[in-house]
Protein backbone atom coordinates (compact mmCIF):
# COMPACT_ATOMS: atom_id res chain seq x y z
CA UNK A 1 -32.08 1.83 -56.03
CA UNK A 2 -31.64 4.18 -58.97
CA UNK A 3 -34.96 5.98 -59.16
CA UNK A 4 -34.29 7.24 -62.67
CA UNK A 5 -34.36 3.65 -63.91
CA UNK A 6 -37.89 2.98 -62.68
CA UNK A 7 -41.29 4.05 -63.86
CA UNK A 8 -43.28 6.27 -61.54
CA UNK A 9 -45.46 3.30 -60.56
CA UNK A 10 -42.39 1.46 -59.25
CA UNK A 11 -41.23 4.46 -57.21
CA UNK A 12 -42.79 4.56 -53.71
CA UNK A 13 -45.28 7.33 -53.02
CA UNK A 14 -44.05 9.48 -50.12
CA UNK A 15 -46.64 11.36 -48.05
CA UNK A 16 -45.50 14.44 -46.13
CA UNK A 17 -47.80 16.19 -43.66
CA UNK A 18 -47.11 19.72 -42.43
CA UNK A 19 -49.10 20.94 -39.40
CA UNK A 20 -49.29 24.72 -39.44
CA UNK A 21 -50.54 27.45 -37.13
CA UNK A 22 -49.53 31.09 -37.27
CA UNK A 23 -45.97 30.58 -38.47
CA UNK A 24 -46.15 32.62 -41.66
CA UNK A 25 -42.60 33.86 -41.04
CA UNK A 26 -41.23 30.37 -41.73
CA UNK A 27 -44.01 28.60 -43.63
CA UNK A 28 -42.99 29.42 -47.19
CA UNK A 29 -39.48 28.06 -46.66
CA UNK A 30 -41.02 24.84 -45.33
CA UNK A 31 -43.41 24.49 -48.28
CA UNK A 32 -40.71 25.12 -50.84
CA UNK A 33 -38.33 22.67 -49.20
CA UNK A 34 -40.90 19.93 -49.86
CA UNK A 35 -42.17 21.04 -53.25
CA UNK A 36 -38.69 21.57 -54.67
CA UNK A 37 -37.49 18.07 -53.81
CA UNK A 38 -36.12 16.14 -56.79
CA UNK A 39 -38.40 13.16 -56.28
CA UNK A 40 -41.19 12.16 -58.67
CA UNK A 41 -43.95 10.96 -56.30
CA UNK A 42 -44.72 13.23 -53.36
CA UNK A 43 -48.13 13.60 -51.77
CA UNK A 44 -47.99 16.83 -49.78
CA UNK A 45 -50.69 17.54 -47.20
CA UNK A 46 -50.86 20.80 -45.24
CA UNK A 47 -53.08 20.93 -42.16
CA UNK A 48 -53.44 24.54 -41.00
CA UNK A 49 -55.13 25.13 -37.66
CA UNK A 50 -56.98 28.28 -38.69
CA UNK A 51 -54.07 30.72 -38.89
CA UNK A 52 -54.81 34.45 -39.05
CA UNK A 53 -51.27 35.71 -39.73
CA UNK A 54 -51.14 35.38 -43.52
CA UNK A 55 -50.29 31.67 -43.56
CA UNK A 56 -53.39 30.81 -45.61
CA UNK A 57 -52.42 33.28 -48.33
CA UNK A 58 -48.98 31.64 -48.51
CA UNK A 59 -50.52 28.16 -48.78
CA UNK A 60 -52.86 29.31 -51.55
CA UNK A 61 -49.89 30.42 -53.66
CA UNK A 62 -48.74 26.79 -53.76
CA UNK A 63 -52.17 25.13 -53.70
CA UNK A 64 -51.86 23.68 -57.21
CA UNK A 65 -48.84 21.65 -56.07
CA UNK A 66 -50.31 20.51 -52.75
CA UNK A 67 -52.37 17.30 -52.75
CA UNK A 68 -54.64 18.51 -49.96
CA UNK A 69 -54.80 21.43 -47.60
CA UNK A 70 -57.26 22.84 -45.12
CA UNK A 71 -57.36 25.73 -42.68
CA UNK A 72 -59.67 25.06 -39.78
CA UNK A 73 -59.49 24.79 -36.02
CA UNK A 74 -58.01 21.55 -34.71
CA UNK A 75 -57.16 20.06 -31.33
CA UNK A 76 -53.45 20.84 -31.58
CA UNK A 77 -50.35 19.68 -33.40
CA UNK A 78 -50.80 15.94 -32.83
CA UNK A 79 -54.41 16.12 -33.99
CA UNK A 80 -53.42 18.01 -37.15
CA UNK A 81 -50.71 15.47 -38.01
CA UNK A 82 -53.06 12.56 -37.32
CA UNK A 83 -55.72 14.05 -39.58
CA UNK A 84 -53.15 14.42 -42.33
CA UNK A 85 -51.78 10.90 -41.87
CA UNK A 86 -55.29 9.48 -42.08
CA UNK A 87 -55.58 11.01 -45.56
CA UNK A 88 -52.09 9.97 -46.63
CA UNK A 89 -51.72 7.18 -49.20
CA UNK A 90 -47.93 6.87 -49.28
CA UNK A 91 -45.85 3.77 -48.71
CA UNK A 92 -43.51 6.06 -46.76
CA UNK A 93 -44.81 8.84 -44.50
CA UNK A 94 -43.38 11.72 -42.47
CA UNK A 95 -44.30 15.02 -40.92
CA UNK A 96 -42.43 18.29 -41.27
CA UNK A 97 -43.33 21.12 -38.93
CA UNK A 98 -44.03 24.52 -40.43
CA UNK A 99 -40.80 26.06 -39.13
CA UNK A 100 -38.46 23.25 -40.28
CA UNK A 101 -37.13 22.44 -43.76
CA UNK A 102 -35.98 19.48 -45.82
CA UNK A 103 -32.53 19.64 -47.31
CA UNK A 104 -32.06 19.00 -51.07
CA UNK A 105 -32.62 15.38 -52.13
CA UNK A 106 -33.74 14.38 -48.63
CA UNK A 107 -36.75 12.38 -49.77
CA UNK A 108 -34.86 10.58 -52.52
CA UNK A 109 -32.08 9.64 -50.11
CA UNK A 110 -34.53 8.36 -47.47
CA UNK A 111 -36.33 6.21 -50.05
CA UNK A 112 -33.05 4.77 -51.29
CA UNK A 113 -32.02 3.96 -47.72
CA UNK A 114 -35.27 2.05 -47.14
CA UNK A 115 -34.71 0.13 -50.37
CA UNK A 116 -31.21 -0.83 -49.28
CA UNK A 117 -32.36 -1.76 -45.73
CA UNK A 118 -35.68 -3.64 -46.10
CA UNK A 119 -35.85 -4.54 -42.40
CA UNK A 120 -35.77 -0.91 -41.22
CA UNK A 121 -39.13 0.59 -40.28
CA UNK A 122 -38.01 4.12 -39.34
CA UNK A 123 -34.98 6.11 -40.48
CA UNK A 124 -33.46 9.37 -39.19
CA UNK A 125 -30.27 11.40 -39.59
CA UNK A 126 -28.14 14.21 -38.20
CA UNK A 127 -29.96 17.52 -38.18
CA UNK A 128 -28.56 21.06 -38.46
CA UNK A 129 -30.00 23.61 -36.04
CA UNK A 130 -30.96 26.88 -37.70
CA UNK A 131 -32.15 30.17 -36.23
CA UNK A 132 -34.97 32.45 -37.36
CA UNK A 133 -32.71 33.92 -40.07
CA UNK A 134 -31.73 30.47 -41.45
CA UNK A 135 -28.22 30.62 -39.98
CA UNK A 136 -26.75 27.32 -38.84
CA UNK A 137 -26.18 27.55 -35.08
CA UNK A 138 -25.41 23.95 -34.24
CA UNK A 139 -26.33 20.37 -34.96
CA UNK A 140 -28.44 17.65 -33.42
CA UNK A 141 -26.19 14.63 -33.70
CA UNK A 142 -28.14 11.44 -34.36
CA UNK A 143 -26.65 8.36 -32.72
CA UNK A 144 -26.97 4.76 -33.95
CA UNK A 145 -30.18 3.40 -32.52
CA UNK A 146 -30.20 1.70 -29.13
CA UNK A 147 -33.29 1.53 -26.92
CA UNK A 148 -31.13 1.75 -23.80
CA UNK A 149 -29.79 5.12 -25.01
CA UNK A 150 -33.24 6.37 -26.05
CA UNK A 151 -34.39 5.92 -22.46
CA UNK A 152 -31.99 8.68 -21.42
CA UNK A 153 -32.18 11.14 -24.29
CA UNK A 154 -34.26 11.77 -27.39
CA UNK A 155 -31.46 11.76 -29.95
CA UNK A 156 -33.78 11.19 -32.94
CA UNK A 157 -34.34 14.57 -34.66
CA UNK A 158 -38.02 14.59 -35.57
CA UNK A 159 -37.75 16.60 -38.77
CA UNK A 160 -35.40 13.98 -40.27
CA UNK A 161 -37.66 10.99 -39.64
CA UNK A 162 -39.31 8.91 -42.36
CA UNK A 163 -41.28 5.76 -41.63
CA UNK A 164 -42.82 2.92 -43.56
CA UNK A 165 -46.59 2.62 -43.83
CA UNK A 166 -46.32 -0.66 -41.87
CA UNK A 167 -45.23 1.30 -38.78
CA UNK A 168 -48.23 3.60 -39.01
CA UNK A 169 -50.58 0.67 -39.63
CA UNK A 170 -49.29 -1.37 -36.70
CA UNK A 171 -48.66 1.14 -33.90
CA UNK A 172 -51.22 3.72 -34.97
CA UNK A 173 -51.22 7.50 -34.91
CA UNK A 174 -49.63 10.01 -32.58
CA UNK A 175 -51.03 10.22 -29.07
CA UNK A 176 -53.52 13.13 -29.39
CA UNK A 177 -53.03 13.95 -25.70
CA UNK A 178 -49.36 14.74 -26.29
CA UNK A 179 -48.67 18.36 -27.23
CA UNK A 180 -44.90 18.61 -26.69
CA UNK A 181 -43.16 15.22 -26.81
CA UNK A 182 -45.40 13.37 -29.24
CA UNK A 183 -42.35 12.48 -31.30
CA UNK A 184 -40.50 10.85 -28.39
CA UNK A 185 -43.64 8.91 -27.52
CA UNK A 186 -43.87 7.64 -31.10
CA UNK A 187 -40.20 6.61 -31.29
CA UNK A 188 -40.55 4.69 -28.04
CA UNK A 189 -43.65 2.85 -29.23
CA UNK A 190 -42.10 2.11 -32.62
CA UNK A 191 -38.86 0.85 -31.06
CA UNK A 192 -40.70 -1.94 -29.25
CA UNK A 193 -41.88 -3.42 -32.57
CA UNK A 194 -39.68 -2.19 -35.41
CA UNK A 195 -36.05 -1.66 -36.33
CA UNK A 196 -34.98 2.01 -36.20
CA UNK A 197 -31.81 3.14 -37.97
CA UNK A 198 -29.69 6.23 -38.51
CA UNK A 199 -28.47 7.03 -42.01
CA UNK A 200 -25.38 9.04 -43.00
CA UNK A 201 -25.62 12.76 -43.70
CA UNK A 202 -28.40 15.27 -43.02
CA UNK A 203 -32.00 15.13 -44.21
CA UNK A 204 -33.66 18.16 -42.61
CA UNK A 205 -33.17 21.19 -40.39
CA UNK A 206 -34.67 21.99 -37.02
CA UNK A 207 -35.43 25.65 -36.38
CA UNK A 208 -34.49 26.85 -32.89
CA UNK A 209 -36.34 30.08 -32.10
CA UNK A 210 -37.83 31.87 -29.14
CA UNK A 211 -41.45 30.97 -29.93
CA UNK A 212 -40.80 27.21 -30.00
CA UNK A 213 -42.73 25.14 -27.45
CA UNK A 214 -39.53 23.39 -26.40
CA UNK A 215 -38.29 26.70 -25.02
CA UNK A 216 -41.47 28.46 -23.94
CA UNK A 217 -42.96 25.47 -22.08
CA UNK A 218 -40.20 23.32 -20.57
CA UNK A 219 -42.69 22.21 -17.91
CA UNK A 220 -45.00 20.71 -20.53
CA UNK A 221 -42.10 18.94 -22.20
CA UNK A 222 -40.89 17.52 -18.90
CA UNK A 223 -44.16 16.05 -17.73
CA UNK A 224 -44.82 14.40 -21.09
CA UNK A 225 -41.34 12.88 -21.18
CA UNK A 226 -41.82 11.47 -17.70
CA UNK A 227 -45.21 10.02 -18.69
CA UNK A 228 -43.69 8.42 -21.79
CA UNK A 229 -40.94 6.77 -19.76
CA UNK A 230 -43.35 5.46 -17.14
CA UNK A 231 -45.59 4.05 -19.90
CA UNK A 232 -42.65 2.45 -21.71
CA UNK A 233 -41.39 0.62 -18.63
CA UNK A 234 -44.94 -0.61 -17.94
CA UNK A 235 -45.43 -1.94 -21.50
CA UNK A 236 -45.47 -5.78 -21.61
CA UNK A 237 -43.32 -5.60 -24.77
CA UNK A 238 -40.57 -3.69 -22.98
CA UNK A 239 -37.33 -5.73 -22.75
CA UNK A 240 -37.06 -7.22 -19.27
CA UNK A 241 -33.29 -6.85 -19.21
CA UNK A 242 -33.71 -3.05 -19.32
CA UNK A 243 -36.23 -2.82 -16.45
CA UNK A 244 -33.49 -2.14 -13.84
CA UNK A 245 -32.81 1.16 -15.63
CA UNK A 246 -36.21 2.61 -14.68
CA UNK A 247 -35.18 4.73 -11.68
CA UNK A 248 -32.03 6.05 -13.35
CA UNK A 249 -33.83 6.93 -16.61
CA UNK A 250 -36.67 8.79 -14.90
CA UNK A 251 -34.32 10.49 -12.43
CA UNK A 252 -32.02 11.64 -15.23
CA UNK A 253 -35.01 12.99 -17.15
CA UNK A 254 -36.07 15.09 -14.16
CA UNK A 255 -32.50 16.34 -13.81
CA UNK A 256 -32.21 17.43 -17.44
CA UNK A 257 -35.57 19.12 -17.46
CA UNK A 258 -34.65 20.92 -14.27
CA UNK A 259 -31.69 22.43 -16.13
CA UNK A 260 -33.92 23.44 -19.04
CA UNK A 261 -36.28 25.13 -16.57
CA UNK A 262 -33.38 27.03 -15.01
CA UNK A 263 -32.34 28.18 -18.48
CA UNK A 264 -35.89 29.35 -19.20
CA UNK A 265 -35.83 31.34 -15.92
CA UNK A 266 -38.36 29.01 -14.29
CA UNK A 267 -36.27 28.76 -11.13
CA UNK A 268 -38.87 27.26 -8.76
CA UNK A 269 -39.84 24.57 -11.25
CA UNK A 270 -36.18 23.86 -11.96
CA UNK A 271 -35.44 23.39 -8.25
CA UNK A 272 -38.47 21.12 -7.84
CA UNK A 273 -37.42 19.04 -10.83
CA UNK A 274 -33.86 18.58 -9.55
CA UNK A 275 -35.20 17.54 -6.14
CA UNK A 276 -37.55 15.05 -7.82
CA UNK A 277 -34.62 13.61 -9.80
CA UNK A 278 -32.95 12.51 -6.57
CA UNK A 279 -36.25 11.30 -5.12
CA UNK A 280 -36.72 9.01 -8.14
CA UNK A 281 -33.13 7.73 -8.00
CA UNK A 282 -31.45 8.30 -4.61
CA UNK A 283 -28.15 7.01 -6.04
CA UNK A 284 -28.05 9.72 -8.69
CA UNK A 285 -26.36 12.25 -6.43
CA UNK A 286 -23.40 9.90 -6.01
CA UNK A 287 -22.81 9.64 -9.76
CA UNK A 288 -20.63 12.70 -10.20
CA UNK A 289 -19.66 11.68 -13.73
CA UNK A 290 -23.28 11.72 -14.90
CA UNK A 291 -24.10 15.01 -13.14
CA UNK A 292 -20.91 16.60 -14.51
CA UNK A 293 -21.62 15.41 -18.05
CA UNK A 294 -25.24 16.59 -17.87
CA UNK A 295 -24.25 20.07 -16.70
CA UNK A 296 -21.47 20.31 -19.30
CA UNK A 297 -23.72 19.18 -22.16
CA UNK A 298 -26.24 21.85 -21.21
CA UNK A 299 -23.58 24.56 -21.12
CA UNK A 300 -22.18 23.56 -24.53
CA UNK A 301 -25.42 22.89 -26.40
CA UNK A 302 -28.31 24.71 -24.75
CA UNK A 303 -27.05 27.99 -23.28
CA UNK A 304 -25.57 29.34 -26.56
CA UNK A 305 -28.74 28.56 -28.50
CA UNK A 306 -30.91 30.16 -25.84
CA UNK A 307 -28.77 33.30 -25.87
CA UNK A 308 -29.05 33.57 -29.67
CA UNK A 309 -32.83 33.36 -29.43
CA UNK A 310 -33.17 35.99 -26.72
CA UNK A 311 -30.94 39.00 -27.24
CA UNK A 312 -31.98 40.37 -23.85
CA UNK A 313 -31.04 37.18 -22.04
CA UNK A 314 -27.72 37.04 -20.23
CA UNK A 315 -26.35 33.51 -20.44
CA UNK A 316 -23.03 33.94 -18.67
CA UNK A 317 -21.92 30.41 -17.86
CA UNK A 318 -20.50 31.27 -14.45
CA UNK A 319 -23.65 33.08 -13.36
CA UNK A 320 -25.81 30.24 -14.68
CA UNK A 321 -23.80 27.63 -12.79
CA UNK A 322 -24.03 29.71 -9.60
CA UNK A 323 -27.81 29.90 -9.99
CA UNK A 324 -28.09 26.15 -10.59
CA UNK A 325 -25.88 25.26 -7.63
CA UNK A 326 -27.72 27.70 -5.35
CA UNK A 327 -31.01 25.97 -6.20
CA UNK A 328 -29.72 22.39 -6.14
CA UNK A 329 -31.49 19.90 -3.89
CA UNK A 330 -29.95 20.51 -0.47
CA UNK A 331 -29.64 16.83 0.47
CA UNK A 332 -27.73 16.13 -2.78
CA UNK A 333 -25.24 19.03 -2.76
CA UNK A 334 -22.49 16.86 -1.31
CA UNK A 335 -22.41 14.96 -4.59
CA UNK A 336 -22.04 18.02 -6.80
CA UNK A 337 -18.88 18.19 -8.90
CA UNK A 338 -16.87 21.37 -8.46
CA UNK A 339 -17.45 24.22 -10.90
CA UNK A 340 -13.87 23.78 -12.16
CA UNK A 341 -14.57 20.10 -12.80
CA UNK A 342 -17.66 21.00 -14.84
CA UNK A 343 -15.78 23.60 -16.88
CA UNK A 344 -12.98 21.10 -17.57
CA UNK A 345 -15.60 18.75 -18.97
CA UNK A 346 -17.02 21.60 -21.05
CA UNK A 347 -13.54 22.13 -22.55
CA UNK A 348 -13.31 18.40 -23.22
CA UNK A 349 -16.61 18.38 -25.15
CA UNK A 350 -15.62 21.46 -27.13
CA UNK A 351 -12.28 19.92 -27.96
CA UNK A 352 -13.77 16.74 -29.33
CA UNK A 353 -16.43 18.73 -31.23
CA UNK A 354 -13.73 20.88 -32.83
CA UNK A 355 -11.80 17.77 -33.82
CA UNK A 356 -14.90 16.28 -35.47
CA UNK A 357 -15.26 19.55 -37.39
CA UNK A 358 -11.63 19.20 -38.58
CA UNK A 359 -10.48 22.18 -36.50
CA UNK A 360 -7.29 20.65 -35.12
CA UNK A 361 -5.94 23.92 -33.70
CA UNK A 362 -9.21 24.64 -31.89
CA UNK A 363 -9.34 21.07 -30.60
CA UNK A 364 -5.81 21.37 -29.25
CA UNK A 365 -6.54 24.63 -27.43
CA UNK A 366 -9.73 23.29 -25.83
CA UNK A 367 -8.22 19.97 -24.77
CA UNK A 368 -5.14 21.66 -23.36
CA UNK A 369 -7.45 23.79 -21.23
CA UNK A 370 -9.27 20.61 -20.12
CA UNK A 371 -6.13 18.81 -19.00
CA UNK A 372 -4.75 21.87 -17.24
CA UNK A 373 -7.96 22.04 -15.17
CA UNK A 374 -8.22 18.29 -14.69
CA UNK A 375 -4.96 16.35 -15.24
CA UNK A 376 -6.89 13.06 -15.16
CA UNK A 377 -7.84 13.68 -18.79
CA UNK A 378 -4.23 12.84 -19.67
CA UNK A 379 -5.33 9.22 -19.14
CA UNK A 380 -7.71 9.53 -22.10
CA UNK A 381 -6.02 8.14 -25.21
CA UNK A 382 -8.15 10.29 -27.51
CA UNK A 383 -7.14 13.46 -25.69
CA UNK A 384 -3.45 12.58 -25.84
CA UNK A 385 -3.66 11.65 -29.54
CA UNK A 386 -5.34 14.94 -30.50
CA UNK A 387 -2.93 17.00 -28.40
CA UNK A 388 0.00 15.24 -30.09
CA UNK A 389 -1.47 15.87 -33.56
CA UNK A 390 -2.02 19.54 -32.74
CA UNK A 391 1.49 19.94 -31.35
CA UNK A 392 3.28 18.26 -34.25
CA UNK A 393 1.20 19.59 -37.12
CA UNK A 394 3.34 21.72 -39.47
CA UNK A 395 2.54 25.41 -39.15
């Protein structure tokens, strides 16, 4: 679809809703990222929850380019988004939080993807992580959609999501009782009725900062994720062939949130969550590969971001692992992988990440460290191939 070849009436109207509350530090960047999109038909709606930090003054500066805005008390983020969506007229809708940003041409590219894939109801993409100063600190990698995978991890970056009006009309609004994981709840509900798809490239950023609810309230996140999973497995539309995954999915969710709680210095809650993981799935403790991969993923992707957000926080990997192991469920400690095994897996992840980023030398160093710690990785064809490339590359 070449948008320049169509009249405005043939180009889909895209409605973007931004919920806002006391995030003046980031709000202007969010507003501009929408208003400066090179797309001819955008309906932008800003729902401010009664901010008193200067946000309203920022919104007023752009009011002539915003279709609708209000600043009044609401019942939280989900309620604000729902109120905006109920006003929205677009054939395609989305929400962009007031600390995230769209990348250039994001809306145009999403519309073109929908045109090229008429059966897709919801689209998403990879998503760069940025800090409070707009520095890229990582990336949320979006995987091709599979409901079985979604049961174990929310790999759909919310800020990158666009959906057709038909999705909103059929499955309704966000759950107003969800205040942390409303996005995961919506993806799960949508996946039971519509086709979800990842598109190439990056559409939006996700800002990782110390005031984010994901960091400040890991307990709230955890309990909502567990509720979403229990509801999904109880839904009559849920695929019967996936029902045997219930215990493993819920147990793994408790395990991951336990690690997030440990990272947020909520030690008691972390220990309780890990214990509950093994209560939900008693076989989990015997799956060393899953436990090892979960610990390694957390070390590679969560600890560095947490340390960047909190300059006073010491995120030494060895000390963190010691704390986690000391608070592990006592009846499941026999199934723990060794610390060396975990660190070998960390090196493996870093090696493959470096290779994907075209850093062959860095990939070689990391993978060599992995195989020295765990020679079994020599059986991995990918590892051997990268090590060979790194060793034979002309200097």
